[in-house]
Amino acid sequence: MANIQLTHAPILNSSAQLLILPVNTAGILLDPVLARTKTLFSDNYQSYYQACRDGNLNVGSCLLIKRVLEQTGLGASSSGNQPSYIANLVVSDHPYHPARTSWLDAALLDLQQQLLPLIRYQGIRKVALLARPLVYDNPRDHKTDSSGSVNILPLDWHHDTLPLLTQQLQPLPKLRIDIHLPKSIII
C-alpha cells in the first residue's frame, strides 16, 4: 500500500522521481507553479502542448512523459533532484473550468495503470502531486444537474478530492506519495 503524506513544502524542491501535474486539454497553464514547470521541464511541456494542439488528450486521461535529463548547461539542476517522469493528469477541458469527479477519477485510474510498470520495473518509489489546481474551498458555488440533484462544482478538497485521491492512489504498492498543498489548507 502507498504511504500518502500531505505537505506544504514547495513541489519544485521535491526529490520525487515522478511529478504529477493536474492540467487541462487546452494546453494553457495558469497556475503559477504549473507555469514555472514550462521552463523547468520544457521537454514535458513541449510534449504536453503538442498533444493538446493535435487533439490527442482527452479529459480523464494521463500523459506520462519520460524526461530527458539535462547533464550540462544552464538548465541542469545543481541539486540533482530532477524527476525522471512527469505525469500530466488531464482533469479539465479548459483552464477556467474546474475538475469534475468523473474526470479526476478516470485520470487517476489511467495514472494508476501507467504507474504499476514503473513501480515494478523502473524502481519508482517517491511521487509528488501538485494539489493546488485541485483545491477549492468555497462550497457556496452550487450547480444543479439534469436530475435536479445539487453538485458542488468545483470539487471540495476535504469532501471530494482528498477521498478520491486516497481511494485511487492508496492501493499502489511500495510507494510514497507527497501531496503538495497550498498553505491555505490545514493539514
Protein backbone atom coordinates (compact mmCIF):
# COMPACT_ATOMS: atom_id res chain seq x y z
CA MET A 1 0.00 0.00 0.00
CA ALA A 2 1.10 3.53 -0.73
CA ASN A 3 2.08 5.91 2.04
CA ILE A 4 0.27 9.21 1.36
CA GLN A 5 1.50 12.34 3.12
CA LEU A 6 0.18 15.88 2.94
CA THR A 7 2.76 18.66 2.92
CA HIS A 8 3.10 22.41 2.42
CA ALA A 9 6.65 22.11 1.03
CA PRO A 10 7.23 23.52 -2.46
CA ILE A 11 6.81 20.77 -5.05
CA LEU A 12 9.59 22.11 -7.26
CA ASN A 13 12.09 21.41 -4.46
CA SER A 14 10.88 17.83 -4.13
CA SER A 15 13.25 14.92 -4.70
CA ALA A 16 10.44 12.82 -6.17
CA GLN A 17 11.15 10.50 -9.08
CA LEU A 18 7.76 11.33 -10.61
CA LEU A 19 5.77 14.57 -10.55
CA ILE A 20 2.01 14.55 -11.06
CA LEU A 21 0.71 17.81 -12.52
CA PRO A 22 -3.04 18.46 -12.97
CA VAL A 23 -3.52 20.04 -16.41
CA ASN A 24 -6.25 20.76 -18.97
CA THR A 25 -6.79 19.84 -22.62
CA ALA A 26 -6.31 23.43 -23.84
CA GLY A 27 -2.55 23.48 -23.22
CA ILE A 28 -2.80 26.66 -21.13
CA LEU A 29 -1.23 26.62 -17.66
CA LEU A 30 -2.47 29.45 -15.41
CA ASP A 31 -1.34 28.15 -12.02
CA PRO A 32 1.99 29.84 -11.09
CA VAL A 33 3.69 26.54 -10.23
CA LEU A 34 2.50 24.91 -13.44
CA ALA A 35 3.68 27.97 -15.40
CA ARG A 36 7.12 27.58 -13.80
CA THR A 37 7.27 23.93 -14.92
CA LYS A 38 7.03 25.14 -18.53
CA THR A 39 10.62 26.37 -18.33
CA LEU A 40 11.98 23.92 -15.75
CA PHE A 41 10.72 20.85 -17.61
CA SER A 42 10.49 22.17 -21.16
CA ASP A 43 10.63 18.66 -22.66
CA ASN A 44 7.45 17.76 -20.77
CA TYR A 45 5.69 20.99 -21.72
CA GLN A 46 6.53 20.58 -25.42
CA SER A 47 5.11 17.03 -25.43
CA TYR A 48 2.03 18.12 -23.49
CA TYR A 49 1.39 21.17 -25.66
CA GLN A 50 1.84 19.16 -28.87
CA ALA A 51 -0.67 16.54 -27.64
CA CYS A 52 -3.15 19.33 -26.81
CA ARG A 53 -2.67 21.01 -30.18
CA ASP A 54 -3.10 17.71 -32.05
CA GLY A 55 -6.25 16.88 -30.05
CA ASN A 56 -4.71 13.70 -28.61
CA LEU A 57 -5.58 14.48 -24.98
CA ASN A 58 -8.95 13.63 -23.53
CA VAL A 59 -10.29 14.77 -20.20
CA GLY A 60 -9.83 11.92 -17.74
CA SER A 61 -6.55 10.67 -19.18
CA CYS A 62 -2.94 10.82 -18.09
CA LEU A 63 0.00 11.73 -20.34
CA LEU A 64 3.15 10.18 -18.85
CA ILE A 65 6.46 11.62 -20.09
CA LYS A 66 9.90 10.09 -19.52
CA ARG A 67 12.16 13.07 -19.19
CA VAL A 68 15.44 13.61 -20.97
CA LEU A 69 17.55 14.75 -18.04
CA GLU A 70 19.96 17.58 -18.71
CA GLN A 71 23.51 16.90 -17.58
CA THR A 72 25.23 20.17 -18.54
CA GLY A 73 24.39 23.76 -19.28
CA LEU A 74 22.18 26.32 -17.62
CA GLY A 75 19.15 24.03 -17.48
CA ALA A 76 20.91 21.38 -15.43
CA SER A 77 19.78 21.04 -11.85
CA SER A 78 22.56 21.66 -9.37
CA SER A 79 20.89 19.67 -6.60
CA GLY A 80 20.24 16.56 -8.68
CA ASN A 81 16.55 16.48 -7.76
CA GLN A 82 15.10 16.38 -11.26
CA PRO A 83 12.20 13.95 -11.68
CA SER A 84 12.66 11.11 -14.14
CA TYR A 85 8.98 11.12 -15.13
CA ILE A 86 6.17 13.65 -15.24
CA ALA A 87 2.53 12.60 -15.30
CA ASN A 88 0.19 15.19 -16.79
CA LEU A 89 -3.16 14.40 -15.17
CA VAL A 90 -5.83 15.80 -17.51
CA VAL A 91 -8.61 16.87 -15.12
CA SER A 92 -10.26 19.71 -17.04
CA ASP A 93 -11.16 20.76 -20.56
CA HIS A 94 -10.25 24.43 -20.06
CA PRO A 95 -8.04 26.35 -17.60
CA TYR A 96 -11.07 28.17 -16.16
CA HIS A 97 -13.21 25.03 -15.80
CA PRO A 98 -12.88 23.11 -12.53
CA ALA A 99 -12.16 19.40 -12.32
CA ARG A 100 -15.16 17.10 -12.02
CA THR A 101 -15.38 13.89 -10.06
CA SER A 102 -15.71 11.68 -13.13
CA TRP A 103 -12.77 13.37 -14.89
CA LEU A 104 -10.49 13.15 -11.86
CA ASP A 105 -11.50 9.55 -11.17
CA ALA A 106 -10.80 8.48 -14.78
CA ALA A 107 -7.47 10.35 -14.86
CA LEU A 108 -6.36 8.75 -11.58
CA LEU A 109 -7.31 5.30 -12.86
CA ASP A 110 -5.26 5.90 -16.03
CA LEU A 111 -2.35 7.13 -13.89
CA GLN A 112 -2.60 4.06 -11.66
CA GLN A 113 -2.38 1.72 -14.66
CA GLN A 114 0.66 3.56 -16.03
CA LEU A 115 2.39 3.68 -12.64
CA LEU A 116 2.33 -0.06 -11.92
CA PRO A 117 5.02 -0.97 -14.52
CA LEU A 118 7.17 1.95 -13.36
CA ILE A 119 6.96 0.77 -9.76
CA ARG A 120 7.74 -2.84 -10.69
CA TYR A 121 10.38 -2.42 -13.36
CA GLN A 122 11.83 1.10 -13.01
CA GLY A 123 12.03 1.27 -9.22
CA ILE A 124 9.83 4.35 -8.77
CA ARG A 125 9.29 4.80 -5.03
CA LYS A 126 8.68 8.52 -4.48
CA VAL A 127 5.94 10.57 -6.15
CA ALA A 128 4.89 14.21 -5.67
CA LEU A 129 1.44 15.53 -6.64
CA LEU A 130 0.66 19.23 -7.07
CA ALA A 131 -2.75 19.68 -5.47
CA ARG A 132 -3.25 23.44 -5.85
CA PRO A 133 -5.20 23.17 -9.17
CA LEU A 134 -7.47 20.60 -7.47
CA VAL A 135 -8.10 22.65 -4.31
CA TYR A 136 -11.27 24.61 -3.95
CA ASP A 137 -12.55 25.60 -0.54
CA ASN A 138 -15.73 27.57 -1.30
CA PRO A 139 -18.78 25.26 -1.12
CA ARG A 140 -21.15 28.19 -1.81
CA ASP A 141 -20.96 27.68 -5.59
CA HIS A 142 -23.58 25.04 -6.34
CA LYS A 143 -24.82 23.82 -9.68
CA THR A 144 -27.77 21.60 -10.39
CA ASP A 145 -27.57 18.73 -12.87
CA SER A 146 -30.40 17.44 -15.09
CA SER A 147 -31.74 15.09 -12.39
CA GLY A 148 -32.24 18.02 -10.00
CA SER A 149 -29.56 16.94 -7.52
CA VAL A 150 -27.08 19.54 -6.32
CA ASN A 151 -23.43 19.03 -7.23
CA ILE A 152 -20.60 21.09 -5.82
CA LEU A 153 -18.57 22.28 -8.77
CA PRO A 154 -15.67 22.73 -8.43
CA LEU A 155 -14.82 19.84 -6.14
CA ASP A 156 -14.42 20.45 -2.43
CA TRP A 157 -10.96 19.43 -1.22
CA HIS A 158 -11.97 17.75 2.06
CA HIS A 159 -15.14 16.02 0.88
CA ASP A 160 -14.42 15.14 -2.75
CA THR A 161 -10.81 15.45 -3.89
CA LEU A 162 -8.81 14.07 -0.95
CA PRO A 163 -11.00 10.95 -0.50
CA LEU A 164 -10.82 10.28 -4.25
CA LEU A 165 -7.02 10.67 -4.30
CA THR A 166 -6.72 8.36 -1.30
CA GLN A 167 -9.05 5.76 -2.79
CA GLN A 168 -7.25 5.64 -6.16
CA LEU A 169 -3.62 6.02 -5.04
CA GLN A 170 -3.55 4.09 -1.75
CA PRO A 171 -3.58 0.61 -3.40
CA LEU A 172 -0.31 1.29 -5.27
CA PRO A 173 2.46 -0.88 -3.75
CA LYS A 174 5.72 0.34 -2.19
CA LEU A 175 5.18 4.00 -2.97
CA ARG A 176 5.47 7.24 -1.03
CA ILE A 177 3.16 9.94 -2.36
CA ASP A 178 3.60 13.51 -1.16
CA ILE A 179 0.58 15.68 -1.89
CA HIS A 180 1.75 19.30 -2.02
CA LEU A 181 -1.00 21.60 -0.76
CA PRO A 182 -1.23 25.40 -0.59
CA LYS A 183 -0.79 26.88 2.88
CA SER A 184 -4.48 27.84 2.98
CA ILE A 185 -5.39 24.17 3.54
CA ILE A 186 -4.82 22.99 7.11
CA ILE A 187 -3.11 19.62 7.33
